[in-house]
N, C-alpha and C. Protein backbone atom coordinates (compact mmCIF):
# COMPACT_ATOMS: atom_id res chain seq x y z
N UNK A 1 -19.59 17.52 13.36
CA UNK A 1 -18.73 16.13 12.53
C UNK A 1 -19.66 14.75 12.82
N UNK A 2 -20.49 14.44 13.37
CA UNK A 2 -21.67 13.58 13.35
C UNK A 2 -22.61 13.89 11.70
N UNK A 3 -22.96 14.75 11.39
CA UNK A 3 -23.95 14.74 10.58
C UNK A 3 -23.03 14.08 9.25
N UNK A 4 -21.96 13.39 9.24
CA UNK A 4 -21.14 13.49 8.05
C UNK A 4 -21.19 12.11 7.94
N UNK A 5 -20.75 11.38 9.11
CA UNK A 5 -20.91 10.44 9.53
C UNK A 5 -20.57 9.28 8.08
N UNK A 6 -22.36 8.53 7.78
CA UNK A 6 -23.29 8.13 6.78
C UNK A 6 -22.60 8.31 5.24
N UNK A 7 -21.68 9.19 5.50
CA UNK A 7 -22.23 10.33 3.76
C UNK A 7 -21.00 9.79 3.16
N UNK A 8 -21.36 9.05 1.75
CA UNK A 8 -20.32 8.22 0.87
C UNK A 8 -18.95 9.87 0.96
N UNK A 9 -17.98 8.86 0.38
CA UNK A 9 -16.53 9.93 0.45
C UNK A 9 -16.55 10.89 -0.91
N UNK A 10 -17.54 10.66 -2.12
CA UNK A 10 -17.34 11.80 -3.00
C UNK A 10 -18.64 13.19 -2.51
N UNK A 11 -19.22 12.61 -1.47
CA UNK A 11 -19.87 14.05 -1.51
C UNK A 11 -19.43 14.49 0.25
N UNK A 12 -18.38 13.90 0.77
CA UNK A 12 -17.25 14.99 1.87
C UNK A 12 -16.56 15.49 0.78
N UNK A 13 -15.83 14.95 0.28
CA UNK A 13 -15.08 15.58 -0.73
C UNK A 13 -15.74 16.86 -1.15
N UNK A 14 -16.74 16.68 -2.11
CA UNK A 14 -17.64 18.07 -2.49
C UNK A 14 -17.50 18.82 -0.96
N UNK A 15 -18.26 18.52 0.21
CA UNK A 15 -18.18 19.76 1.58
C UNK A 15 -17.45 19.97 1.75
N UNK A 16 -15.77 19.05 1.80
CA UNK A 16 -14.32 19.43 2.29
C UNK A 16 -14.24 20.71 1.48
N UNK A 17 -14.33 20.75 -0.16
CA UNK A 17 -13.84 21.96 -0.80
C UNK A 17 -15.02 22.86 -0.38
N UNK A 18 -15.79 23.05 -0.25
CA UNK A 18 -16.78 23.83 0.24
C UNK A 18 -16.29 24.87 1.84
N UNK A 19 -15.48 24.13 2.33
CA UNK A 19 -14.71 24.40 3.76
C UNK A 19 -15.06 23.90 4.41
N UNK A 20 -15.93 22.83 4.12
CA UNK A 20 -16.40 22.35 5.79
C UNK A 20 -15.45 21.41 6.12
N UNK A 21 -14.47 21.55 7.13
CA UNK A 21 -13.76 20.60 7.90
C UNK A 21 -13.85 19.70 8.33
N UNK A 22 -14.90 19.90 9.18
CA UNK A 22 -15.39 18.32 9.50
C UNK A 22 -15.98 17.00 8.98
N UNK A 23 -16.33 17.77 6.96
CA UNK A 23 -16.25 16.55 6.31
C UNK A 23 -15.00 16.31 5.43
N UNK A 24 -13.92 16.71 5.87
CA UNK A 24 -12.28 16.91 5.55
C UNK A 24 -11.99 15.43 6.79
N UNK A 25 -12.35 15.84 8.16
CA UNK A 25 -12.34 15.25 8.85
C UNK A 25 -12.88 13.57 8.80
N UNK A 26 -13.61 13.42 8.29
CA UNK A 26 -14.25 11.94 8.28
C UNK A 26 -13.64 11.19 7.11
N UNK A 27 -13.54 11.98 6.47
CA UNK A 27 -12.61 11.86 4.94
C UNK A 27 -10.86 10.89 5.41
N UNK A 28 -10.63 12.07 6.36
CA UNK A 28 -9.32 11.67 6.64
C UNK A 28 -9.42 10.51 8.05
N UNK A 29 -10.60 10.55 9.09
CA UNK A 29 -10.27 9.28 9.99
C UNK A 29 -10.86 7.68 9.23
N UNK A 30 -11.56 7.55 8.48
CA UNK A 30 -12.29 7.07 7.37
C UNK A 30 -10.90 6.19 6.54
N UNK A 31 -9.73 7.01 6.07
CA UNK A 31 -8.93 6.37 5.40
C UNK A 31 -7.63 6.16 6.13
N UNK A 32 -7.17 7.05 7.14
CA UNK A 32 -5.83 7.21 7.70
C UNK A 32 -5.52 5.61 7.76
N UNK A 33 -6.18 4.32 7.95
CA UNK A 33 -4.79 3.49 8.89
C UNK A 33 -4.89 2.99 7.75
N UNK A 34 -5.69 2.68 6.58
CA UNK A 34 -5.22 1.96 5.43
C UNK A 34 -4.39 2.48 4.81
N UNK A 35 -4.02 3.53 4.66
CA UNK A 35 -3.32 5.09 3.81
C UNK A 35 -1.74 4.12 4.94
N UNK A 36 -1.72 4.51 6.08
CA UNK A 36 -1.14 4.36 7.65
C UNK A 36 0.13 3.01 6.84
N UNK A 37 -1.01 1.87 6.60
CA UNK A 37 -0.74 0.17 6.70
C UNK A 37 -0.10 0.26 5.18
N UNK A 38 -0.59 0.90 4.38
CA UNK A 38 0.13 0.96 2.70
C UNK A 38 1.43 1.67 3.04
N UNK A 39 1.91 2.17 4.09
CA UNK A 39 2.71 3.36 3.76
C UNK A 39 3.85 2.30 4.17
N UNK A 40 3.59 2.03 5.61
CA UNK A 40 4.73 1.45 6.80
C UNK A 40 5.06 0.22 5.69
N UNK A 41 4.31 -0.63 5.16
CA UNK A 41 4.51 -1.91 4.38
C UNK A 41 5.48 -1.22 3.42
N UNK A 42 5.24 0.11 2.97
CA UNK A 42 5.79 0.10 2.01
C UNK A 42 7.47 0.69 1.86
N UNK A 43 7.73 1.43 2.98
CA UNK A 43 8.74 2.22 3.34
C UNK A 43 9.54 1.39 4.45
N UNK A 44 8.83 0.28 5.71
CA UNK A 44 9.47 -0.39 6.13
C UNK A 44 9.65 -0.10 7.84
N UNK A 45 9.50 1.68 7.81
CA UNK A 45 9.68 2.42 9.58
C UNK A 45 8.39 2.93 9.78
N UNK A 46 8.24 2.66 11.33
CA UNK A 46 6.77 3.22 11.29
C UNK A 46 6.80 4.45 11.80
N UNK A 47 8.03 5.25 11.96
CA UNK A 47 7.72 6.72 12.41
C UNK A 47 7.97 6.95 11.28
N UNK A 48 8.52 6.88 10.18
CA UNK A 48 8.58 7.14 9.13
C UNK A 48 7.15 7.20 8.08
N UNK A 49 6.38 6.19 8.78
CA UNK A 49 5.20 5.79 7.92
C UNK A 49 4.28 6.92 8.53
N UNK A 50 4.39 6.92 9.82
CA UNK A 50 3.23 8.41 10.92
C UNK A 50 3.45 9.66 10.71
N UNK A 51 4.75 10.00 9.65
CA UNK A 51 5.16 11.02 9.60
C UNK A 51 5.21 11.59 7.75
N UNK A 52 4.61 10.57 6.70
CA UNK A 52 4.29 10.10 5.65
C UNK A 52 3.27 10.24 5.83
N UNK A 53 1.92 9.72 6.51
CA UNK A 53 0.66 9.50 6.54
C UNK A 53 0.35 11.32 6.57
N UNK A 54 0.82 12.07 7.38
CA UNK A 54 0.31 12.99 8.05
C UNK A 54 0.66 14.15 6.47
N UNK A 55 1.88 14.18 6.12
CA UNK A 55 2.17 14.53 4.46
C UNK A 55 0.99 14.14 3.85
N UNK A 56 0.52 13.40 3.94
CA UNK A 56 -0.01 12.53 2.49
C UNK A 56 -1.81 13.05 2.79
N UNK A 57 -1.92 13.54 3.90
CA UNK A 57 -3.74 14.15 4.56
C UNK A 57 -3.62 15.36 4.29
N UNK A 58 -2.25 16.30 4.46
CA UNK A 58 -1.98 17.40 4.37
C UNK A 58 -1.79 18.11 2.76
N UNK A 59 -1.62 17.40 2.08
CA UNK A 59 -1.17 17.20 0.26
C UNK A 59 -2.58 17.23 -0.30
N UNK A 60 -3.54 16.34 0.12
CA UNK A 60 -4.39 15.53 -0.53
C UNK A 60 -5.51 16.86 0.10
N UNK A 61 -5.48 17.48 1.51
CA UNK A 61 -6.36 18.82 1.77
C UNK A 61 -6.13 19.95 1.20
N UNK A 62 -4.82 20.36 0.90
CA UNK A 62 -4.41 21.32 0.03
C UNK A 62 -5.07 20.90 -1.57
N UNK A 63 -4.53 20.22 -2.24
CA UNK A 63 -4.99 19.38 -3.23
C UNK A 63 -6.28 19.37 -3.57
N UNK A 64 -7.22 19.51 -2.81
CA UNK A 64 -8.31 18.50 -2.79
C UNK A 64 -9.33 19.43 -4.02
N UNK A 65 -9.33 20.62 -4.24
CA UNK A 65 -9.68 21.10 -5.08
C UNK A 65 -9.33 20.90 -6.80
N UNK A 66 -7.95 20.19 -6.68
CA UNK A 66 -7.75 19.18 -8.44
C UNK A 66 -8.13 18.09 -8.56
N UNK A 67 -8.86 17.92 -7.81
CA UNK A 67 -9.04 16.64 -7.76
C UNK A 67 -10.61 16.35 -8.77
N UNK A 68 -10.28 15.70 -10.08
CA UNK A 68 -11.27 16.01 -10.65
C UNK A 68 -12.76 15.31 -11.38
N UNK A 69 -12.76 14.21 -10.25
CA UNK A 69 -13.94 13.61 -9.99
C UNK A 69 -13.58 12.81 -8.44
N UNK A 70 -14.56 13.59 -7.78
CA UNK A 70 -14.97 13.17 -6.37
C UNK A 70 -14.40 11.19 -6.02
N UNK A 71 -15.78 10.62 -6.69
CA UNK A 71 -15.92 9.55 -6.65
C UNK A 71 -13.96 8.85 -7.34
N UNK A 72 -13.30 9.57 -7.42
CA UNK A 72 -11.85 8.82 -7.44
C UNK A 72 -10.81 8.67 -6.69
N UNK A 73 -11.85 9.43 -5.53
CA UNK A 73 -10.94 10.25 -3.80
C UNK A 73 -9.95 9.25 -3.22
N UNK A 74 -10.42 7.65 -3.52
CA UNK A 74 -9.57 6.18 -2.90
C UNK A 74 -8.31 6.94 -4.04
N UNK A 75 -7.88 6.23 -5.06
CA UNK A 75 -7.18 6.38 -5.86
C UNK A 75 -6.47 7.53 -6.05
N UNK A 76 -6.73 8.42 -6.00
CA UNK A 76 -6.22 10.01 -5.98
C UNK A 76 -5.48 9.86 -4.92
N UNK A 77 -6.15 9.40 -3.28
CA UNK A 77 -5.31 9.69 -1.89
C UNK A 77 -3.74 8.26 -2.25
N UNK A 78 -3.86 7.35 -2.36
CA UNK A 78 -3.19 6.62 -2.33
C UNK A 78 -1.78 6.86 -3.34
N UNK A 79 -2.24 7.84 -4.63
CA UNK A 79 -1.45 8.27 -5.57
C UNK A 79 -0.02 9.13 -5.24
N UNK A 80 -1.50 10.12 -3.83
CA UNK A 80 -0.60 11.10 -3.09
C UNK A 80 0.45 10.07 -1.99
N UNK A 81 -0.78 9.10 -1.30
CA UNK A 81 0.60 8.37 -0.51
C UNK A 81 1.52 7.31 -1.53
N UNK A 82 2.26 6.73 -2.37
CA UNK A 82 2.59 6.09 -3.26
C UNK A 82 3.54 7.44 -4.00
N UNK A 83 3.68 8.84 -4.11
CA UNK A 83 4.69 9.48 -4.07
C UNK A 83 4.82 10.15 -2.89
N UNK A 84 4.48 10.04 -1.94
CA UNK A 84 5.35 10.54 -0.39
C UNK A 84 5.83 9.46 0.08
N UNK A 85 5.64 8.04 -0.61
CA UNK A 85 6.66 7.03 0.36
C UNK A 85 7.91 6.57 -1.29
N UNK A 86 7.53 6.63 -2.25
CA UNK A 86 8.66 6.33 -3.13
C UNK A 86 9.24 7.88 -2.97
N UNK A 87 8.97 8.49 -2.19
CA UNK A 87 10.46 10.52 -2.36
C UNK A 87 11.13 9.57 -1.22
N UNK A 88 10.55 9.11 -0.04
CA UNK A 88 11.27 8.59 0.84
C UNK A 88 12.55 7.72 0.37
N UNK A 89 11.82 6.38 0.05
CA UNK A 89 12.84 5.45 -0.49
C UNK A 89 13.84 6.06 -1.08
N UNK A 90 13.61 7.28 -2.49
CA UNK A 90 14.39 7.14 -3.09
C UNK A 90 15.85 7.83 -2.45
N UNK A 91 15.24 8.71 -1.59
CA UNK A 91 15.79 9.56 -0.55
C UNK A 91 16.83 8.70 0.34
N UNK A 92 16.46 7.81 0.78
CA UNK A 92 17.41 6.91 1.58
C UNK A 92 18.00 6.02 1.02
N UNK A 93 17.99 5.72 -0.13
CA UNK A 93 18.35 4.32 -0.82
C UNK A 93 19.44 4.95 -1.73
N UNK A 94 20.54 4.62 -1.52
CA UNK A 94 21.55 5.66 -2.73
C UNK A 94 20.84 4.33 -3.33
N UNK A 95 21.55 5.27 -5.13
CA UNK A 95 21.55 3.94 -6.48
C UNK A 95 22.71 3.05 -6.06
N UNK A 96 21.67 2.21 -6.71
CA UNK A 96 23.39 0.94 -6.17
C UNK A 96 22.88 -0.19 -5.50
N UNK A 97 22.42 0.23 -4.30
CA UNK A 97 22.39 -0.12 -2.53
C UNK A 97 21.64 -1.06 -3.00
N UNK A 98 22.18 -2.43 -2.52
CA UNK A 98 21.26 -3.51 -2.36
C UNK A 98 20.90 -3.85 -0.84
N UNK A 99 19.53 -3.98 -1.05
CA UNK A 99 18.64 -4.93 -0.02
C UNK A 99 19.30 -5.97 0.79
N UNK A 100 19.05 -5.79 1.95
CA UNK A 100 19.56 -7.67 2.65
C UNK A 100 18.74 -8.69 2.05
N UNK A 101 18.62 -9.61 2.03
CA UNK A 101 18.10 -10.44 1.62
C UNK A 101 17.86 -11.46 3.15
N UNK A 102 16.97 -11.63 3.93
CA UNK A 102 16.63 -12.71 5.03
C UNK A 102 16.79 -13.96 4.59
N UNK A 103 17.31 -15.02 5.52
CA UNK A 103 17.15 -16.46 5.11
C UNK A 103 15.98 -17.15 5.72
N UNK A 104 15.23 -17.91 5.21
CA UNK A 104 14.35 -18.34 6.57
C UNK A 104 14.48 -19.73 6.68
N UNK A 105 14.53 -19.84 8.00
CA UNK A 105 14.41 -21.05 8.89
C UNK A 105 13.63 -21.76 8.96
N UNK A 106 14.19 -23.04 8.50
CA UNK A 106 13.13 -24.05 7.88
C UNK A 106 13.24 -25.10 9.55
N UNK A 107 11.80 -25.88 9.10
CA UNK A 107 11.41 -26.55 10.86
C UNK A 107 10.99 -27.64 9.94
N UNK A 108 11.52 -28.75 10.85
CA UNK A 108 10.93 -30.30 10.25
C UNK A 108 9.64 -30.10 10.51
N UNK A 109 8.69 -29.78 11.30
CA UNK A 109 7.60 -30.08 12.12
C UNK A 109 6.12 -28.81 11.04
N UNK A 110 6.45 -28.24 10.17
CA UNK A 110 5.85 -27.32 9.66
C UNK A 110 6.16 -25.72 10.58
N UNK A 111 5.16 -25.00 10.00
CA UNK A 111 5.48 -23.36 10.65
C UNK A 111 4.42 -23.01 11.34
N UNK A 112 4.43 -22.18 12.24
CA UNK A 112 2.85 -21.90 13.12
C UNK A 112 2.54 -20.68 12.11
N UNK A 113 1.31 -20.36 12.15
CA UNK A 113 0.79 -19.68 11.80
C UNK A 113 1.51 -18.19 12.19
N UNK A 114 2.18 -17.40 12.84
CA UNK A 114 2.84 -16.19 13.16
C UNK A 114 4.55 -16.81 11.90
N UNK A 115 4.72 -17.74 12.04
CA UNK A 115 6.09 -18.14 11.38
C UNK A 115 5.64 -17.70 9.93
N UNK A 116 4.32 -17.99 9.52
CA UNK A 116 3.85 -18.14 8.13
C UNK A 116 3.40 -16.45 8.04
N UNK A 117 3.06 -16.03 8.92
CA UNK A 117 2.78 -14.06 9.02
C UNK A 117 4.23 -13.53 8.63
N UNK A 118 5.09 -14.13 9.35
CA UNK A 118 6.68 -13.68 9.31
C UNK A 118 7.01 -13.82 8.18
N UNK A 119 6.60 -14.84 7.47
CA UNK A 119 7.84 -15.11 6.34
C UNK A 119 7.20 -14.61 5.57
N UNK A 120 5.73 -14.22 5.19
CA UNK A 120 5.33 -13.70 4.13
C UNK A 120 5.99 -12.41 4.27
N UNK A 121 6.04 -11.62 5.20
CA UNK A 121 6.34 -9.90 5.08
C UNK A 121 8.13 -10.33 4.85
N UNK A 122 8.85 -10.98 5.23
CA UNK A 122 10.18 -11.30 5.19
C UNK A 122 10.58 -11.43 3.18
N UNK A 123 9.29 -12.44 2.86
CA UNK A 123 9.80 -12.44 1.45
C UNK A 123 8.90 -11.08 0.61
N UNK A 124 7.99 -10.69 1.32
CA UNK A 124 7.30 -9.16 0.34
C UNK A 124 8.36 -8.05 0.49
N UNK A 125 9.39 -8.17 1.65
CA UNK A 125 10.61 -7.48 1.82
C UNK A 125 11.41 -7.45 0.73
N UNK A 126 11.85 -8.48 0.21
CA UNK A 126 12.81 -8.75 -0.49
C UNK A 126 12.35 -8.39 -2.27
N UNK A 127 10.97 -8.40 -2.25
CA UNK A 127 10.46 -7.85 -3.53
C UNK A 127 11.09 -6.46 -3.59
N UNK A 128 11.30 -6.07 -5.11
CA UNK A 128 11.20 -4.65 -5.22
C UNK A 128 10.16 -3.63 -4.58
N UNK A 129 10.47 -1.91 -4.67
CA UNK A 129 9.27 -1.63 -4.81
C UNK A 129 8.44 -1.95 -5.36
N UNK A 130 8.40 -1.67 -6.55
CA UNK A 130 6.85 -1.66 -7.60
C UNK A 130 6.73 -2.44 -7.54
N UNK A 131 7.19 -3.91 -7.64
CA UNK A 131 6.94 -5.27 -6.93
C UNK A 131 6.02 -4.94 -5.99
N UNK A 132 6.34 -5.00 -4.63
CA UNK A 132 5.68 -4.72 -3.24
C UNK A 132 4.81 -4.44 -3.37
N UNK A 133 4.29 -2.78 -4.24
CA UNK A 133 3.63 -1.61 -3.90
C UNK A 133 2.80 -2.64 -5.27
N UNK A 134 2.57 -3.22 -6.22
CA UNK A 134 1.34 -3.66 -6.64
C UNK A 134 0.96 -5.13 -5.96
N UNK A 135 1.69 -5.55 -5.23
CA UNK A 135 1.66 -6.75 -4.26
C UNK A 135 -0.16 -6.49 -3.16
N UNK A 136 0.37 -5.12 -2.80
CA UNK A 136 -0.05 -4.21 -1.53
C UNK A 136 -1.43 -3.68 -2.10
N UNK A 137 -1.60 -3.09 -2.83
CA UNK A 137 -2.46 -2.51 -3.69
C UNK A 137 -3.35 -3.44 -3.78
N UNK A 138 -2.97 -4.33 -4.32
CA UNK A 138 -4.46 -5.51 -5.29
C UNK A 138 -4.91 -6.49 -3.61
N UNK A 139 -3.99 -6.98 -2.81
CA UNK A 139 -4.39 -7.76 -2.06
C UNK A 139 -4.78 -7.29 -0.59
N UNK A 140 -3.74 -6.10 -0.27
CA UNK A 140 -4.66 -5.30 0.72
C UNK A 140 -5.34 -4.35 1.25
N UNK A 141 -4.84 -3.70 -0.02
CA UNK A 141 -6.94 -2.38 -0.50
C UNK A 141 -7.04 -2.47 -1.31
N UNK A 142 -7.33 -3.86 -1.63
CA UNK A 142 -8.67 -4.34 -2.85
C UNK A 142 -8.61 -3.55 -3.75
N UNK A 143 -8.00 -2.58 -4.42
CA UNK A 143 -8.38 -1.96 -6.08
C UNK A 143 -8.29 -2.68 -7.31
N UNK A 144 -8.51 -2.47 -7.92
CA UNK A 144 -8.75 -3.26 -9.19
C UNK A 144 -7.81 -2.65 -9.98
N UNK A 145 -7.34 -3.16 -11.31
CA UNK A 145 -6.20 -3.16 -11.90
C UNK A 145 -6.09 -1.69 -12.73
N UNK A 146 -7.40 -0.76 -12.79
CA UNK A 146 -7.61 0.23 -13.59
C UNK A 146 -7.54 1.21 -12.61
N UNK A 147 -7.40 1.35 -11.59
CA UNK A 147 -7.47 1.98 -9.93
C UNK A 147 -5.76 2.01 -10.34
N UNK A 148 -5.23 0.69 -9.87
CA UNK A 148 -3.87 0.52 -9.52
C UNK A 148 -3.11 1.42 -10.77
N UNK A 149 -3.41 1.23 -12.24
CA UNK A 149 -2.58 2.26 -13.09
C UNK A 149 -2.61 3.55 -12.86
N UNK A 150 -3.81 3.97 -11.93
CA UNK A 150 -3.85 5.47 -12.13
C UNK A 150 -2.87 5.70 -11.12
N UNK A 151 -3.25 4.61 -9.64
CA UNK A 151 -2.22 5.02 -8.57
C UNK A 151 -0.85 5.48 -9.22
N UNK A 152 -0.32 3.96 -9.68
CA UNK A 152 0.88 4.29 -9.82
C UNK A 152 1.17 4.49 -11.52
N UNK A 153 0.37 5.13 -12.01
CA UNK A 153 0.97 5.77 -13.38
C UNK A 153 1.53 5.04 -14.22
N UNK A 154 0.93 4.08 -14.83
CA UNK A 154 1.30 3.52 -15.52
C UNK A 154 0.05 2.11 -16.06
N UNK A 155 0.37 1.80 -17.37
CA UNK A 155 -0.98 1.09 -17.59
C UNK A 155 -1.22 0.16 -16.94
N UNK A 156 -2.05 -0.63 -17.33
CA UNK A 156 -2.83 -1.68 -16.96
C UNK A 156 -1.91 -2.93 -17.42
N UNK A 157 -1.55 -3.19 -18.41
CA UNK A 157 -0.38 -4.45 -18.18
C UNK A 157 1.04 -4.17 -17.49
N UNK A 158 1.08 -2.83 -17.30
CA UNK A 158 2.20 -2.74 -16.54
C UNK A 158 2.04 -3.18 -15.06
N UNK A 159 1.21 -3.30 -14.66
CA UNK A 159 0.37 -3.40 -13.28
C UNK A 159 -0.01 -4.92 -13.06
N UNK A 160 -0.65 -5.69 -14.36
CA UNK A 160 -0.51 -6.91 -14.16
C UNK A 160 0.92 -7.89 -14.21
N UNK A 161 1.65 -7.02 -14.81
CA UNK A 161 2.92 -7.85 -15.53
C UNK A 161 3.50 -7.83 -13.78
N UNK A 162 3.23 -6.37 -13.42
CA UNK A 162 4.42 -6.27 -11.89
C UNK A 162 3.89 -7.48 -10.91
N UNK A 163 2.11 -7.43 -11.03
CA UNK A 163 1.72 -8.26 -10.17
C UNK A 163 2.01 -9.70 -10.01
N UNK A 164 1.60 -10.43 -11.34
CA UNK A 164 2.19 -11.73 -11.91
C UNK A 164 3.72 -12.20 -10.98
N UNK A 165 3.94 -11.23 -11.85
CA UNK A 165 5.68 -11.32 -11.55
C UNK A 165 6.64 -11.23 -9.73
N UNK A 166 5.63 -10.52 -9.50
CA UNK A 166 5.60 -10.57 -8.29
C UNK A 166 5.52 -12.12 -7.27
N UNK A 167 3.99 -11.95 -7.45
CA UNK A 167 3.54 -13.28 -7.05
C UNK A 167 4.19 -14.72 -7.37
N UNK A 168 4.81 -14.40 -8.76
CA UNK A 168 5.84 -15.51 -8.71
C UNK A 168 6.53 -15.25 -8.24
N UNK A 169 7.50 -14.41 -7.90
CA UNK A 169 8.77 -14.47 -6.53
C UNK A 169 8.83 -14.76 -5.76
N UNK A 170 7.26 -14.42 -5.04
CA UNK A 170 6.58 -14.77 -3.90
C UNK A 170 6.55 -16.38 -3.39
N UNK A 171 5.69 -16.54 -4.75
CA UNK A 171 5.90 -18.42 -4.43
C UNK A 171 7.42 -18.86 -4.30
N UNK A 172 7.86 -18.90 -5.62
CA UNK A 172 9.83 -19.07 -5.47
C UNK A 172 10.25 -18.91 -3.89
N UNK A 173 9.91 -17.84 -3.55
CA UNK A 173 10.79 -17.46 -2.46
C UNK A 173 9.99 -18.33 -1.56
N UNK A 174 8.86 -18.61 -1.08
CA UNK A 174 8.17 -19.50 -0.02
C UNK A 174 8.19 -20.94 0.28
N UNK A 175 8.51 -20.70 -1.71
CA UNK A 175 8.65 -22.71 -2.11
C UNK A 175 8.71 -23.43 -0.55
N UNK A 176 10.54 -23.19 -0.96
CA UNK A 176 11.10 -23.61 0.39
C UNK A 176 10.97 -23.82 2.08
N UNK A 177 10.00 -23.17 2.14
CA UNK A 177 9.53 -23.04 3.65
C UNK A 177 8.18 -24.08 4.22
N UNK A 178 8.84 -25.16 4.93
CA UNK A 178 7.43 -26.24 4.84
C UNK A 178 6.44 -25.25 5.75
N UNK A 179 5.51 -25.86 4.49
CA UNK A 179 4.06 -25.25 5.74
C UNK A 179 2.87 -26.64 6.04
N UNK A 180 3.65 -27.69 5.83
CA UNK A 180 2.81 -28.55 6.65
C UNK A 180 2.33 -29.08 5.21
N UNK A 181 2.84 -29.81 4.39
CA UNK A 181 2.18 -29.46 3.11
C UNK A 181 1.59 -28.96 1.73
N UNK A 182 1.80 -27.74 2.06
CA UNK A 182 1.04 -26.91 1.56
C UNK A 182 2.49 -25.62 1.31
N UNK A 183 2.93 -25.96 -0.25
CA UNK A 183 4.35 -24.92 -0.28
C UNK A 183 3.42 -24.22 -1.83
N UNK A 184 2.43 -23.62 -1.93
CA UNK A 184 1.85 -22.81 -2.85
C UNK A 184 1.25 -21.79 -1.90
N UNK A 185 1.42 -20.35 -2.47
CA UNK A 185 0.88 -18.89 -2.33
C UNK A 185 -0.50 -19.07 -3.33
N UNK A 186 -1.83 -18.96 -1.99
CA UNK A 186 -2.56 -18.99 -2.48
C UNK A 186 -3.53 -17.18 -2.43
N UNK A 187 -3.71 -17.30 -4.02
CA UNK A 187 -4.02 -15.63 -3.71
C UNK A 187 -5.86 -15.65 -3.97
């Protein structure tokens, strides 16, 4: 397995396609934390995210030969993660069910960093699944708009619209929170 550690993803994909399980294991080790964090932020439950992450890597391995361009492995992998997460979200959220909107406790002296983190997490949880995923793919994972469009199976214009709508909603949600004179979400 050590011989694969410094190799680029696209080369690891090619090796894994040839049956080198060690190459796929390196890919898995390289990407599992990012995929898990992305999924847990989408579905909100650690246990579900652990199960889904395993499912993502199993499906990726089973379908590796279907990946047209090995250089696009990260986006392809996150597309599988997106499909798995949204499948669970649809299954667990009956039609028409509303999510509970958490309230922020305002303090007179500003927020501590942990309170800011909790406020942002809570605000993200209030977004629709589509808006939240756009924010997470851009700011947590660092994908470009074109890559996000492939992951989400929608036009780039839709990705941009979702992202900026989400940022506007986050800004309005977080604006009442006293952050020591800084009321704007920085991106």
